Amino acid sequence: MYNRMLVLIPLIMLVLTMPVALSQPSSTIEPVWFYPMLANDVAVSDDGTVVAVASDGVYVYNQEGNLLWHWPADSSIIVTSIDMTSDGNIIVAAVYNLSDDTFRIVF
């Protein structure tokens, strides 16, 4: 039993430290824009000109970070995931309604 623990401890330490080491940002990469917000999911058009975010509603930004459109969800709705067509013209979101315990697709 003791020998097994000695083998498992380094393995557990490696697993616990790997994500920290892999998530270190490079000092040469600067974000184009950012907003501090909770995001359940993000979708980006193929050419990168449209970004849609599933949060406390649906937010759609252009490549400069300007808000193009916003659908505010009320407090009983959770936007769980989001996707878009390759050109960014159609956006689809999955929402969960807390009040009646149902999922719906919104587009």
C-alpha atoms as a PDB file:
ATOM      1  CA  MET A   1       0.000   0.000   0.000  1.00  0.00           C
ATOM      2  CA  TYR A   2       2.780   2.414   0.943  1.00  0.00           C
ATOM      3  CA  ASN A   3       4.690   1.689  -2.294  1.00  0.00           C
ATOM      4  CA  ARG A   4       1.583   2.433  -4.364  1.00  0.00           C
ATOM      5  CA  MET A   5       1.173   5.796  -2.667  1.00  0.00           C
ATOM      6  CA  LEU A   6       4.801   6.703  -3.393  1.00  0.00           C
ATOM      7  CA  VAL A   7       4.185   6.040  -7.080  1.00  0.00           C
ATOM      8  CA  LEU A   8       0.865   7.928  -7.158  1.00  0.00           C
ATOM      9  CA  ILE A   9       2.074  11.075  -5.404  1.00  0.00           C
ATOM     10  CA  PRO A  10       4.431  12.231  -8.219  1.00  0.00           C
ATOM     11  CA  LEU A  11       1.768  11.368 -10.797  1.00  0.00           C
ATOM     12  CA  ILE A  12      -0.869  13.386  -8.937  1.00  0.00           C
ATOM     13  CA  MET A  13       1.556  16.303  -8.568  1.00  0.00           C
ATOM     14  CA  LEU A  14       2.288  16.207 -12.306  1.00  0.00           C
ATOM     15  CA  VAL A  15      -1.424  16.259 -13.199  1.00  0.00           C
ATOM     16  CA  LEU A  16      -2.110  19.118 -10.796  1.00  0.00           C
ATOM     17  CA  THR A  17       0.760  21.265 -12.062  1.00  0.00           C
ATOM     18  CA  MET A  18       0.364  20.603 -15.816  1.00  0.00           C
ATOM     19  CA  PRO A  19      -2.650  22.905 -16.425  1.00  0.00           C
ATOM     20  CA  VAL A  20      -0.921  25.726 -14.577  1.00  0.00           C
ATOM     21  CA  ALA A  21       2.194  25.358 -16.704  1.00  0.00           C
ATOM     22  CA  LEU A  22       0.202  25.071 -19.943  1.00  0.00           C
ATOM     23  CA  SER A  23      -2.017  28.055 -19.204  1.00  0.00           C
ATOM     24  CA  GLN A  24       0.807  30.573 -18.835  1.00  0.00           C
ATOM     25  CA  PRO A  25       0.206  33.273 -21.463  1.00  0.00           C
ATOM     26  CA  SER A  26       2.986  34.279 -23.782  1.00  0.00           C
ATOM     27  CA  SER A  27       4.245  37.787 -23.148  1.00  0.00           C
ATOM     28  CA  THR A  28       4.313  38.524 -26.896  1.00  0.00           C
ATOM     29  CA  ILE A  29       0.578  38.007 -27.502  1.00  0.00           C
ATOM     30  CA  GLU A  30      -1.682  41.003 -26.950  1.00  0.00           C
ATOM     31  CA  PRO A  31      -5.485  40.736 -27.178  1.00  0.00           C
ATOM     32  CA  VAL A  32      -7.175  42.784 -29.880  1.00  0.00           C
ATOM     33  CA  TRP A  33     -10.004  43.552 -27.459  1.00  0.00           C
ATOM     34  CA  PHE A  34     -11.634  42.004 -24.406  1.00  0.00           C
ATOM     35  CA  TYR A  35     -14.592  42.407 -22.074  1.00  0.00           C
ATOM     36  CA  PRO A  36     -14.591  41.067 -18.523  1.00  0.00           C
ATOM     37  CA  MET A  37     -17.798  39.024 -18.557  1.00  0.00           C
ATOM     38  CA  LEU A  38     -19.011  35.529 -17.783  1.00  0.00           C
ATOM     39  CA  ALA A  39     -19.149  33.513 -20.996  1.00  0.00           C
ATOM     40  CA  ASN A  40     -20.810  30.109 -21.211  1.00  0.00           C
ATOM     41  CA  ASP A  41     -19.831  29.716 -24.877  1.00  0.00           C
ATOM     42  CA  VAL A  42     -18.283  31.704 -27.740  1.00  0.00           C
ATOM     43  CA  ALA A  43     -18.667  31.394 -31.516  1.00  0.00           C
ATOM     44  CA  VAL A  44     -16.514  33.129 -34.138  1.00  0.00           C
ATOM     45  CA  SER A  45     -17.240  33.472 -37.858  1.00  0.00           C
ATOM     46  CA  ASP A  46     -14.772  31.831 -40.226  1.00  0.00           C
ATOM     47  CA  ASP A  47     -13.178  35.155 -41.185  1.00  0.00           C
ATOM     48  CA  GLY A  48     -13.139  36.430 -37.568  1.00  0.00           C
ATOM     49  CA  THR A  49     -15.327  39.457 -38.237  1.00  0.00           C
ATOM     50  CA  VAL A  50     -18.224  38.362 -35.985  1.00  0.00           C
ATOM     51  CA  VAL A  51     -17.979  37.090 -32.402  1.00  0.00           C
ATOM     52  CA  ALA A  52     -21.050  35.849 -30.520  1.00  0.00           C
ATOM     53  CA  VAL A  53     -21.043  35.250 -26.762  1.00  0.00           C
ATOM     54  CA  ALA A  54     -23.524  33.223 -24.682  1.00  0.00           C
ATOM     55  CA  SER A  55     -23.727  34.949 -21.315  1.00  0.00           C
ATOM     56  CA  ASP A  56     -26.610  36.595 -19.446  1.00  0.00           C
ATOM     57  CA  GLY A  57     -28.063  36.933 -22.920  1.00  0.00           C
ATOM     58  CA  VAL A  58     -26.544  36.876 -26.380  1.00  0.00           C
ATOM     59  CA  TYR A  59     -23.907  39.455 -27.308  1.00  0.00           C
ATOM     60  CA  VAL A  60     -22.641  39.921 -30.872  1.00  0.00           C
ATOM     61  CA  TYR A  61     -19.466  41.925 -31.518  1.00  0.00           C
ATOM     62  CA  ASN A  62     -17.528  42.893 -34.628  1.00  0.00           C
ATOM     63  CA  GLN A  63     -13.797  42.301 -35.014  1.00  0.00           C
ATOM     64  CA  GLU A  64     -12.986  45.629 -33.328  1.00  0.00           C
ATOM     65  CA  GLY A  65     -15.039  44.704 -30.254  1.00  0.00           C
ATOM     66  CA  ASN A  66     -17.978  46.988 -30.986  1.00  0.00           C
ATOM     67  CA  LEU A  67     -21.325  45.644 -29.833  1.00  0.00           C
ATOM     68  CA  LEU A  68     -23.488  44.944 -32.892  1.00  0.00           C
ATOM     69  CA  TRP A  69     -26.472  43.338 -31.200  1.00  0.00           C
ATOM     70  CA  HIS A  70     -27.613  42.198 -27.762  1.00  0.00           C
ATOM     71  CA  TRP A  71     -30.479  39.959 -26.694  1.00  0.00           C
ATOM     72  CA  PRO A  72     -30.925  40.334 -22.932  1.00  0.00           C
ATOM     73  CA  ALA A  73     -32.246  37.211 -21.240  1.00  0.00           C
ATOM     74  CA  ASP A  74     -34.442  37.617 -18.197  1.00  0.00           C
ATOM     75  CA  SER A  75     -33.373  36.128 -14.869  1.00  0.00           C
ATOM     76  CA  SER A  76     -35.134  32.790 -15.530  1.00  0.00           C
ATOM     77  CA  ILE A  77     -33.120  32.138 -18.734  1.00  0.00           C
ATOM     78  CA  ILE A  78     -29.575  30.770 -19.002  1.00  0.00           C
ATOM     79  CA  VAL A  79     -27.932  30.926 -22.425  1.00  0.00           C
ATOM     80  CA  THR A  80     -25.940  27.676 -22.394  1.00  0.00           C
ATOM     81  CA  SER A  81     -24.347  27.505 -25.851  1.00  0.00           C
ATOM     82  CA  ILE A  82     -24.064  29.421 -29.083  1.00  0.00           C
ATOM     83  CA  ASP A  83     -23.068  28.807 -32.709  1.00  0.00           C
ATOM     84  CA  MET A  84     -23.200  30.654 -36.019  1.00  0.00           C
ATOM     85  CA  THR A  85     -22.964  30.089 -39.722  1.00  0.00           C
ATOM     86  CA  SER A  86     -19.524  30.425 -41.275  1.00  0.00           C
ATOM     87  CA  ASP A  87     -20.303  33.964 -42.514  1.00  0.00           C
ATOM     88  CA  GLY A  88     -21.775  35.047 -39.149  1.00  0.00           C
ATOM     89  CA  ASN A  89     -25.161  35.996 -40.619  1.00  0.00           C
ATOM     90  CA  ILE A  90     -27.205  33.470 -38.587  1.00  0.00           C
ATOM     91  CA  ILE A  91     -26.642  32.910 -34.876  1.00  0.00           C
ATOM     92  CA  VAL A  92     -28.267  30.106 -32.920  1.00  0.00           C
ATOM     93  CA  ALA A  93     -28.341  29.847 -29.127  1.00  0.00           C
ATOM     94  CA  ALA A  94     -29.507  27.128 -26.778  1.00  0.00           C
ATOM     95  CA  VAL A  95     -31.274  28.452 -23.704  1.00  0.00           C
ATOM     96  CA  TYR A  96     -32.445  26.784 -20.520  1.00  0.00           C
ATOM     97  CA  ASN A  97     -35.588  28.120 -18.889  1.00  0.00           C
ATOM     98  CA  LEU A  98     -35.401  27.758 -15.111  1.00  0.00           C
ATOM     99  CA  SER A  99     -39.101  28.496 -14.584  1.00  0.00           C
ATOM    100  CA  ASP A 100     -40.419  25.540 -16.608  1.00  0.00           C
ATOM    101  CA  ASP A 101     -37.273  23.346 -16.745  1.00  0.00           C
ATOM    102  CA  THR A 102     -37.058  23.294 -20.552  1.00  0.00           C
ATOM    103  CA  PHE A 103     -34.402  23.844 -23.198  1.00  0.00           C
ATOM    104  CA  ARG A 104     -35.106  25.871 -26.330  1.00  0.00           C
ATOM    105  CA  ILE A 105     -33.226  26.853 -29.465  1.00  0.00           C
ATOM    106  CA  VAL A 106     -33.310  30.575 -30.292  1.00  0.00           C
ATOM    107  CA  PHE A 107     -32.176  32.139 -33.570  1.00  0.00           C
END
